[in-house]
Amino acid sequence: YDKAMTCMSFVREVLGDDPESQRHMFVGDSPNDEPLFEAFP
């Protein structure tokens, strides 16, 4: 697992939304945020 996988699960299971929709944004600052930069539209 990583941050991106867990965040996408949260969007689907808790927010009840499509992770690929442009209703969700991620903001970060470092290389370990790269999976999230890739996962979030």
All heavy atoms as atom14 arrays in JSON, in Angstrom:
{
  "sequence": "YDKAMTCMSFVREVLGDDPESQRHMFVGDSPNDEPLFEAFP",
  "atom14_mask": [
    [1, 1, 1, 1, 1, 1, 1, 1, 1, 1, 1, 1, 0, 0],
    [1, 1, 1, 1, 1, 1, 1, 1, 0, 0, 0, 0, 0, 0],
    [1, 1, 1, 1, 1, 1, 1, 1, 1, 0, 0, 0, 0, 0],
    [1, 1, 1, 1, 1, 0, 0, 0, 0, 0, 0, 0, 0, 0],
    [1, 1, 1, 1, 1, 1, 1, 1, 0, 0, 0, 0, 0, 0],
    [1, 1, 1, 1, 1, 1, 1, 0, 0, 0, 0, 0, 0, 0],
    [1, 1, 1, 1, 1, 1, 0, 0, 0, 0, 0, 0, 0, 0],
    [1, 1, 1, 1, 1, 1, 1, 1, 0, 0, 0, 0, 0, 0],
    [1, 1, 1, 1, 1, 1, 0, 0, 0, 0, 0, 0, 0, 0],
    [1, 1, 1, 1, 1, 1, 1, 1, 1, 1, 1, 0, 0, 0],
    [1, 1, 1, 1, 1, 1, 1, 0, 0, 0, 0, 0, 0, 0],
    [1, 1, 1, 1, 1, 1, 1, 1, 1, 1, 1, 0, 0, 0],
    [1, 1, 1, 1, 1, 1, 1, 1, 1, 0, 0, 0, 0, 0],
    [1, 1, 1, 1, 1, 1, 1, 0, 0, 0, 0, 0, 0, 0],
    [1, 1, 1, 1, 1, 1, 1, 1, 0, 0, 0, 0, 0, 0],
    [1, 1, 1, 1, 0, 0, 0, 0, 0, 0, 0, 0, 0, 0],
    [1, 1, 1, 1, 1, 1, 1, 1, 0, 0, 0, 0, 0, 0],
    [1, 1, 1, 1, 1, 1, 1, 1, 0, 0, 0, 0, 0, 0],
    [1, 1, 1, 1, 1, 1, 1, 0, 0, 0, 0, 0, 0, 0],
    [1, 1, 1, 1, 1, 1, 1, 1, 1, 0, 0, 0, 0, 0],
    [1, 1, 1, 1, 1, 1, 0, 0, 0, 0, 0, 0, 0, 0],
    [1, 1, 1, 1, 1, 1, 1, 1, 1, 0, 0, 0, 0, 0],
    [1, 1, 1, 1, 1, 1, 1, 1, 1, 1, 1, 0, 0, 0],
    [1, 1, 1, 1, 1, 1, 1, 1, 1, 1, 0, 0, 0, 0],
    [1, 1, 1, 1, 1, 1, 1, 1, 0, 0, 0, 0, 0, 0],
    [1, 1, 1, 1, 1, 1, 1, 1, 1, 1, 1, 0, 0, 0],
    [1, 1, 1, 1, 1, 1, 1, 0, 0, 0, 0, 0, 0, 0],
    [1, 1, 1, 1, 0, 0, 0, 0, 0, 0, 0, 0, 0, 0],
    [1, 1, 1, 1, 1, 1, 1, 1, 0, 0, 0, 0, 0, 0],
    [1, 1, 1, 1, 1, 1, 0, 0, 0, 0, 0, 0, 0, 0],
    [1, 1, 1, 1, 1, 1, 1, 0, 0, 0, 0, 0, 0, 0],
    [1, 1, 1, 1, 1, 1, 1, 1, 0, 0, 0, 0, 0, 0],
    [1, 1, 1, 1, 1, 1, 1, 1, 0, 0, 0, 0, 0, 0],
    [1, 1, 1, 1, 1, 1, 1, 1, 1, 0, 0, 0, 0, 0],
    [1, 1, 1, 1, 1, 1, 1, 0, 0, 0, 0, 0, 0, 0],
    [1, 1, 1, 1, 1, 1, 1, 1, 0, 0, 0, 0, 0, 0],
    [1, 1, 1, 1, 1, 1, 1, 1, 1, 1, 1, 0, 0, 0],
    [1, 1, 1, 1, 1, 1, 1, 1, 1, 0, 0, 0, 0, 0],
    [1, 1, 1, 1, 1, 0, 0, 0, 0, 0, 0, 0, 0, 0],
    [1, 1, 1, 1, 1, 1, 1, 1, 1, 1, 1, 0, 0, 0],
    [1, 1, 1, 1, 1, 1, 1, 0, 0, 0, 0, 0, 0, 0]
  ],
  "atom14_positions": [
    [[0.83, -1.21, 0.0], [0.0, 0.0, 0.0], [0.86, 1.26, 0.0], [2.06, 1.23, 0.32], [-0.92, 0.0, 1.22], [-0.18, 0.02, 2.55], [0.26, 1.2, 3.12], [0.09, -1.17, 3.23], [0.94, 1.22, 4.32], [0.77, -1.16, 4.44], [1.17, 0.03, 4.99], [1.85, 0.05, 6.17], [0.0, 0.0, 0.0], [0.0, 0.0, 0.0]],
    [[0.23, 2.38, -0.35], [0.87, 3.69, -0.21], [-0.21, 4.74, 0.0], [-1.4, 4.42, 0.07], [1.77, 4.02, -1.42], [0.99, 4.11, -2.73], [-0.26, 4.14, -2.72], [1.64, 4.17, -3.8], [0.0, 0.0, 0.0], [0.0, 0.0, 0.0], [0.0, 0.0, 0.0], [0.0, 0.0, 0.0], [0.0, 0.0, 0.0], [0.0, 0.0, 0.0]],
    [[0.19, 5.99, 0.12], [-0.77, 7.07, 0.37], [-1.83, 7.15, -0.73], [-3.01, 7.35, -0.45], [-0.03, 8.41, 0.45], [0.88, 8.6, 1.64], [1.58, 9.94, 1.5], [2.57, 10.22, 2.61], [3.29, 11.5, 2.38], [0.0, 0.0, 0.0], [0.0, 0.0, 0.0], [0.0, 0.0, 0.0], [0.0, 0.0, 0.0], [0.0, 0.0, 0.0]],
    [[-1.39, 7.02, -1.98], [-2.31, 7.18, -3.11], [-3.41, 6.12, -3.08], [-4.59, 6.43, -3.27], [-1.54, 7.13, -4.43], [0.0, 0.0, 0.0], [0.0, 0.0, 0.0], [0.0, 0.0, 0.0], [0.0, 0.0, 0.0], [0.0, 0.0, 0.0], [0.0, 0.0, 0.0], [0.0, 0.0, 0.0], [0.0, 0.0, 0.0], [0.0, 0.0, 0.0]],
    [[-3.03, 4.87, -2.85], [-4.02, 3.8, -2.82], [-5.06, 4.04, -1.72], [-6.27, 3.87, -1.94], [-3.32, 2.45, -2.59], [-2.47, 1.98, -3.74], [-1.51, 0.49, -3.32], [-2.83, -0.64, -2.85], [0.0, 0.0, 0.0], [0.0, 0.0, 0.0], [0.0, 0.0, 0.0], [0.0, 0.0, 0.0], [0.0, 0.0, 0.0], [0.0, 0.0, 0.0]],
    [[-4.61, 4.45, -0.56], [-5.53, 4.68, 0.55], [-6.43, 5.87, 0.29], [-7.62, 5.85, 0.6], [-4.75, 4.85, 1.86], [-3.95, 3.68, 2.08], [-5.67, 5.04, 3.04], [0.0, 0.0, 0.0], [0.0, 0.0, 0.0], [0.0, 0.0, 0.0], [0.0, 0.0, 0.0], [0.0, 0.0, 0.0], [0.0, 0.0, 0.0], [0.0, 0.0, 0.0]],
    [[-5.86, 6.93, -0.3], [-6.69, 8.11, -0.62], [-7.76, 7.77, -1.65], [-8.91, 8.22, -1.54], [-5.81, 9.24, -1.14], [-4.82, 10.04, 0.13], [0.0, 0.0, 0.0], [0.0, 0.0, 0.0], [0.0, 0.0, 0.0], [0.0, 0.0, 0.0], [0.0, 0.0, 0.0], [0.0, 0.0, 0.0], [0.0, 0.0, 0.0], [0.0, 0.0, 0.0]],
    [[-7.41, 6.99, -2.67], [-8.4, 6.62, -3.67], [-9.51, 5.76, -3.06], [-10.68, 5.91, -3.39], [-7.72, 5.88, -4.82], [-6.73, 6.71, -5.64], [-7.44, 8.17, -6.42], [-6.88, 9.48, -5.31], [0.0, 0.0, 0.0], [0.0, 0.0, 0.0], [0.0, 0.0, 0.0], [0.0, 0.0, 0.0], [0.0, 0.0, 0.0], [0.0, 0.0, 0.0]],
    [[-9.14, 4.87, -2.13], [-10.15, 4.08, -1.42], [-11.06, 4.98, -0.59], [-12.28, 4.76, -0.52], [-9.48, 3.05, -0.5], [-8.77, 2.1, -1.25], [0.0, 0.0, 0.0], [0.0, 0.0, 0.0], [0.0, 0.0, 0.0], [0.0, 0.0, 0.0], [0.0, 0.0, 0.0], [0.0, 0.0, 0.0], [0.0, 0.0, 0.0], [0.0, 0.0, 0.0]],
    [[-10.49, 6.0, 0.03], [-11.28, 6.94, 0.82], [-12.29, 7.67, -0.05], [-13.45, 7.85, 0.33], [-10.35, 7.94, 1.51], [-11.06, 8.94, 2.38], [-11.36, 8.64, 3.7], [-11.43, 10.18, 1.88], [-12.02, 9.55, 4.51], [-12.09, 11.1, 2.69], [-12.38, 10.78, 4.0], [0.0, 0.0, 0.0], [0.0, 0.0, 0.0], [0.0, 0.0, 0.0]],
    [[-11.86, 8.11, -1.22], [-12.76, 8.82, -2.14], [-13.94, 7.91, -2.52], [-15.11, 8.34, -2.49], [-12.02, 9.29, -3.4], [-13.0, 9.82, -4.45], [-11.0, 10.37, -3.06], [0.0, 0.0, 0.0], [0.0, 0.0, 0.0], [0.0, 0.0, 0.0], [0.0, 0.0, 0.0], [0.0, 0.0, 0.0], [0.0, 0.0, 0.0], [0.0, 0.0, 0.0]],
    [[-13.65, 6.66, -2.84], [-14.7, 5.74, -3.26], [-15.62, 5.34, -2.1], [-16.85, 5.4, -2.21], [-14.09, 4.47, -3.86], [-13.48, 4.64, -5.23], [-13.15, 3.27, -5.83], [-12.21, 2.53, -4.99], [-10.89, 2.57, -5.12], [-10.34, 3.35, -6.05], [-10.11, 1.87, -4.33], [0.0, 0.0, 0.0], [0.0, 0.0, 0.0], [0.0, 0.0, 0.0]],
    [[-15.01, 4.93, -0.98], [-15.77, 4.28, 0.08], [-16.36, 5.25, 1.11], [-17.41, 4.96, 1.7], [-14.87, 3.27, 0.79], [-14.39, 2.15, -0.13], [-13.31, 1.3, 0.49], [-13.13, 1.38, 1.73], [-12.63, 0.55, -0.24], [0.0, 0.0, 0.0], [0.0, 0.0, 0.0], [0.0, 0.0, 0.0], [0.0, 0.0, 0.0], [0.0, 0.0, 0.0]],
    [[-15.71, 6.37, 1.35], [-16.2, 7.31, 2.36], [-16.91, 8.5, 1.71], [-18.02, 8.86, 2.08], [-15.04, 7.8, 3.26], [-15.57, 8.8, 4.29], [-14.39, 6.62, 3.97], [0.0, 0.0, 0.0], [0.0, 0.0, 0.0], [0.0, 0.0, 0.0], [0.0, 0.0, 0.0], [0.0, 0.0, 0.0], [0.0, 0.0, 0.0], [0.0, 0.0, 0.0]],
    [[-16.27, 9.1, 0.7], [-16.9, 10.24, 0.02], [-17.93, 9.78, -1.01], [-18.75, 10.58, -1.45], [-15.83, 11.1, -0.65], [-14.78, 11.73, 0.27], [-13.82, 12.6, -0.54], [-15.43, 12.55, 1.38], [0.0, 0.0, 0.0], [0.0, 0.0, 0.0], [0.0, 0.0, 0.0], [0.0, 0.0, 0.0], [0.0, 0.0, 0.0], [0.0, 0.0, 0.0]],
    [[-17.86, 8.5, -1.4], [-18.82, 7.98, -2.37], [-18.71, 8.62, -3.73], [-19.72, 8.87, -4.4], [0.0, 0.0, 0.0], [0.0, 0.0, 0.0], [0.0, 0.0, 0.0], [0.0, 0.0, 0.0], [0.0, 0.0, 0.0], [0.0, 0.0, 0.0], [0.0, 0.0, 0.0], [0.0, 0.0, 0.0], [0.0, 0.0, 0.0], [0.0, 0.0, 0.0]],
    [[-17.49, 8.88, -4.16], [-17.28, 9.6, -5.41], [-16.31, 8.84, -6.31], [-15.68, 7.86, -5.89], [-16.76, 11.0, -5.12], [-17.21, 12.04, -6.14], [-17.61, 11.65, -7.25], [-17.16, 13.24, -5.82], [0.0, 0.0, 0.0], [0.0, 0.0, 0.0], [0.0, 0.0, 0.0], [0.0, 0.0, 0.0], [0.0, 0.0, 0.0], [0.0, 0.0, 0.0]],
    [[-16.15, 9.32, -7.52], [-15.25, 8.73, -8.49], [-13.86, 9.35, -8.32], [-13.71, 10.57, -8.47], [-15.78, 9.0, -9.9], [-14.88, 8.46, -11.0], [-13.85, 7.83, -10.68], [-15.19, 8.69, -12.18], [0.0, 0.0, 0.0], [0.0, 0.0, 0.0], [0.0, 0.0, 0.0], [0.0, 0.0, 0.0], [0.0, 0.0, 0.0], [0.0, 0.0, 0.0]],
    [[-12.84, 8.55, -8.02], [-11.5, 9.11, -7.84], [-10.96, 9.83, -9.07], [-10.07, 10.67, -8.95], [-10.64, 7.88, -7.52], [-11.6, 6.87, -7.01], [-12.88, 7.11, -7.76], [0.0, 0.0, 0.0], [0.0, 0.0, 0.0], [0.0, 0.0, 0.0], [0.0, 0.0, 0.0], [0.0, 0.0, 0.0], [0.0, 0.0, 0.0], [0.0, 0.0, 0.0]],
    [[-11.49, 9.53, -10.24], [-10.99, 10.15, -11.46], [-11.69, 11.46, -11.79], [-11.33, 12.15, -12.75], [-11.12, 9.18, -12.63], [-10.25, 7.94, -12.48], [-10.3, 7.05, -13.7], [-10.94, 7.43, -14.71], [-9.68, 5.96, -13.65], [0.0, 0.0, 0.0], [0.0, 0.0, 0.0], [0.0, 0.0, 0.0], [0.0, 0.0, 0.0], [0.0, 0.0, 0.0]],
    [[-12.7, 11.82, -11.01], [-13.37, 13.09, -11.26], [-12.5, 14.25, -10.8], [-11.64, 14.08, -9.92], [-14.72, 13.14, -10.54], [-14.54, 13.38, -9.15], [0.0, 0.0, 0.0], [0.0, 0.0, 0.0], [0.0, 0.0, 0.0], [0.0, 0.0, 0.0], [0.0, 0.0, 0.0], [0.0, 0.0, 0.0], [0.0, 0.0, 0.0], [0.0, 0.0, 0.0]],
    [[-12.73, 15.42, -11.36], [-11.95, 16.59, -10.99], [-12.58, 17.34, -9.82], [-12.54, 18.56, -9.75], [-11.75, 17.5, -12.2], [-10.9, 16.87, -13.28], [-10.2, 17.89, -14.15], [-10.4, 19.1, -14.05], [-9.36, 17.41, -15.04], [0.0, 0.0, 0.0], [0.0, 0.0, 0.0], [0.0, 0.0, 0.0], [0.0, 0.0, 0.0], [0.0, 0.0, 0.0]],
    [[-13.14, 16.57, -8.88], [-13.73, 17.14, -7.67], [-12.81, 16.98, -6.47], [-13.16, 17.33, -5.35], [-15.07, 16.48, -7.39], [-16.17, 16.89, -8.34], [-17.36, 15.96, -8.32], [-17.83, 15.6, -6.99], [-18.6, 16.38, -6.23], [-18.96, 17.58, -6.66], [-19.0, 15.96, -5.05], [0.0, 0.0, 0.0], [0.0, 0.0, 0.0], [0.0, 0.0, 0.0]],
    [[-11.61, 16.45, -6.74], [-10.68, 16.17, -5.65], [-9.29, 16.67, -6.05], [-8.83, 16.44, -7.16], [-10.63, 14.67, -5.35], [-11.99, 14.05, -5.32], [-12.87, 14.25, -4.3], [-12.64, 13.28, -6.24], [-13.99, 13.62, -4.55], [-13.88, 13.03, -5.73], [0.0, 0.0, 0.0], [0.0, 0.0, 0.0], [0.0, 0.0, 0.0], [0.0, 0.0, 0.0]],
    [[-8.61, 17.32, -5.12], [-7.31, 17.92, -5.38], [-6.32, 17.47, -4.32], [-6.69, 17.32, -3.15], [-7.43, 19.44, -5.39], [-6.14, 20.22, -5.61], [-6.41, 22.01, -5.44], [-7.43, 22.36, -6.86], [0.0, 0.0, 0.0], [0.0, 0.0, 0.0], [0.0, 0.0, 0.0], [0.0, 0.0, 0.0], [0.0, 0.0, 0.0], [0.0, 0.0, 0.0]],
    [[-5.07, 17.3, -4.72], [-4.0, 17.02, -3.76], [-2.94, 18.1, -3.85], [-2.57, 18.54, -4.94], [-3.35, 15.67, -4.01], [-2.15, 15.43, -3.14], [-2.31, 15.13, -1.8], [-0.86, 15.57, -3.64], [-1.2, 14.97, -0.97], [0.26, 15.4, -2.82], [0.07, 15.09, -1.48], [0.0, 0.0, 0.0], [0.0, 0.0, 0.0], [0.0, 0.0, 0.0]],
    [[-2.42, 18.52, -2.69], [-1.32, 19.48, -2.65], [-0.2, 18.92, -1.77], [-0.45, 18.41, -0.68], [-1.79, 20.87, -2.13], [-2.49, 20.78, -0.79], [-0.62, 21.84, -2.06], [0.0, 0.0, 0.0], [0.0, 0.0, 0.0], [0.0, 0.0, 0.0], [0.0, 0.0, 0.0], [0.0, 0.0, 0.0], [0.0, 0.0, 0.0], [0.0, 0.0, 0.0]],
    [[1.04, 18.97, -2.28], [2.18, 18.43, -1.55], [3.47, 19.14, -1.9], [3.46, 20.17, -2.59], [0.0, 0.0, 0.0], [0.0, 0.0, 0.0], [0.0, 0.0, 0.0], [0.0, 0.0, 0.0], [0.0, 0.0, 0.0], [0.0, 0.0, 0.0], [0.0, 0.0, 0.0], [0.0, 0.0, 0.0], [0.0, 0.0, 0.0], [0.0, 0.0, 0.0]],
    [[4.6, 18.55, -1.46], [5.85, 19.29, -1.6], [7.08, 18.45, -1.89], [8.16, 19.01, -2.12], [6.13, 20.05, -0.3], [6.62, 19.13, 0.81], [5.82, 18.35, 1.33], [7.83, 19.15, 1.13], [0.0, 0.0, 0.0], [0.0, 0.0, 0.0], [0.0, 0.0, 0.0], [0.0, 0.0, 0.0], [0.0, 0.0, 0.0], [0.0, 0.0, 0.0]],
    [[7.0, 17.1, -1.85], [8.24, 16.33, -1.88], [8.12, 15.08, -2.76], [7.02, 14.72, -3.19], [8.66, 15.93, -0.46], [7.78, 14.97, 0.07], [0.0, 0.0, 0.0], [0.0, 0.0, 0.0], [0.0, 0.0, 0.0], [0.0, 0.0, 0.0], [0.0, 0.0, 0.0], [0.0, 0.0, 0.0], [0.0, 0.0, 0.0], [0.0, 0.0, 0.0]],
    [[9.25, 14.39, -3.02], [9.22, 13.21, -3.9], [8.28, 12.11, -3.44], [7.73, 11.39, -4.27], [10.68, 12.73, -3.89], [11.48, 13.94, -3.58], [10.64, 14.74, -2.63], [0.0, 0.0, 0.0], [0.0, 0.0, 0.0], [0.0, 0.0, 0.0], [0.0, 0.0, 0.0], [0.0, 0.0, 0.0], [0.0, 0.0, 0.0], [0.0, 0.0, 0.0]],
    [[8.08, 11.95, -2.13], [7.18, 10.87, -1.69], [5.72, 11.2, -1.97], [4.85, 10.36, -1.78], [7.41, 10.53, -0.22], [6.87, 11.58, 0.72], [6.86, 12.76, 0.42], [6.44, 11.16, 1.9], [0.0, 0.0, 0.0], [0.0, 0.0, 0.0], [0.0, 0.0, 0.0], [0.0, 0.0, 0.0], [0.0, 0.0, 0.0], [0.0, 0.0, 0.0]],
    [[5.46, 12.41, -2.46], [4.1, 12.78, -2.87], [3.85, 12.45, -4.35], [2.72, 12.63, -4.82], [3.86, 14.27, -2.65], [3.86, 14.66, -1.18], [3.38, 13.85, -0.36], [4.34, 15.76, -0.85], [0.0, 0.0, 0.0], [0.0, 0.0, 0.0], [0.0, 0.0, 0.0], [0.0, 0.0, 0.0], [0.0, 0.0, 0.0], [0.0, 0.0, 0.0]],
    [[4.85, 11.98, -5.06], [4.7, 11.74, -6.49], [3.55, 10.78, -6.83], [2.8, 11.04, -7.79], [6.0, 11.26, -7.11], [5.94, 11.17, -8.62], [7.31, 10.96, -9.27], [8.3, 10.82, -8.54], [7.35, 10.97, -10.51], [0.0, 0.0, 0.0], [0.0, 0.0, 0.0], [0.0, 0.0, 0.0], [0.0, 0.0, 0.0], [0.0, 0.0, 0.0]],
    [[3.36, 9.68, -6.1], [2.2, 8.82, -6.42], [0.87, 9.55, -6.33], [-0.07, 9.25, -7.08], [2.3, 7.7, -5.38], [3.74, 7.66, -5.0], [4.19, 9.09, -5.04], [0.0, 0.0, 0.0], [0.0, 0.0, 0.0], [0.0, 0.0, 0.0], [0.0, 0.0, 0.0], [0.0, 0.0, 0.0], [0.0, 0.0, 0.0], [0.0, 0.0, 0.0]],
    [[0.79, 10.53, -5.45], [-0.44, 11.31, -5.31], [-0.57, 12.33, -6.44], [-1.67, 12.57, -6.93], [-0.45, 12.0, -3.95], [-0.58, 11.04, -2.77], [0.11, 11.58, -1.54], [-2.04, 10.75, -2.46], [0.0, 0.0, 0.0], [0.0, 0.0, 0.0], [0.0, 0.0, 0.0], [0.0, 0.0, 0.0], [0.0, 0.0, 0.0], [0.0, 0.0, 0.0]],
    [[0.55, 12.94, -6.85], [0.5, 13.83, -8.0], [0.02, 13.09, -9.24], [-0.69, 13.64, -10.08], [1.88, 14.44, -8.27], [2.38, 15.36, -7.2], [3.73, 15.38, -6.86], [1.54, 16.23, -6.53], [4.22, 16.24, -5.88], [2.01, 17.09, -5.55], [3.36, 17.1, -5.22], [0.0, 0.0, 0.0], [0.0, 0.0, 0.0], [0.0, 0.0, 0.0]],
    [[0.41, 11.82, -9.34], [-0.02, 11.0, -10.48], [-1.47, 10.57, -10.35], [-2.22, 10.57, -11.33], [0.87, 9.77, -10.59], [0.49, 8.85, -11.75], [1.31, 7.58, -11.81], [2.05, 7.3, -10.85], [1.21, 6.89, -12.84], [0.0, 0.0, 0.0], [0.0, 0.0, 0.0], [0.0, 0.0, 0.0], [0.0, 0.0, 0.0], [0.0, 0.0, 0.0]],
    [[-1.9, 10.2, -9.14], [-3.22, 9.62, -8.96], [-4.35, 10.64, -9.05], [-5.44, 10.32, -9.55], [-3.28, 8.9, -7.6], [0.0, 0.0, 0.0], [0.0, 0.0, 0.0], [0.0, 0.0, 0.0], [0.0, 0.0, 0.0], [0.0, 0.0, 0.0], [0.0, 0.0, 0.0], [0.0, 0.0, 0.0], [0.0, 0.0, 0.0], [0.0, 0.0, 0.0]],
    [[-4.12, 11.84, -8.56], [-5.18, 12.84, -8.53], [-5.25, 13.59, -9.85], [-4.24, 14.07, -10.36], [-4.95, 13.83, -7.39], [-5.42, 13.34, -6.05], [-4.66, 12.47, -5.3], [-6.66, 13.74, -5.55], [-5.1, 12.01, -4.08], [-7.12, 13.29, -4.33], [-6.33, 12.41, -3.59], [0.0, 0.0, 0.0], [0.0, 0.0, 0.0], [0.0, 0.0, 0.0]],
    [[-6.45, 13.75, -10.41], [-6.58, 14.51, -11.66], [-6.24, 15.98, -11.49], [-5.89, 16.66, -12.46], [-8.04, 14.3, -12.05], [-8.74, 13.92, -10.78], [-7.72, 13.18, -9.97], [0.0, 0.0, 0.0], [0.0, 0.0, 0.0], [0.0, 0.0, 0.0], [0.0, 0.0, 0.0], [0.0, 0.0, 0.0], [0.0, 0.0, 0.0], [0.0, 0.0, 0.0]]
  ]
}
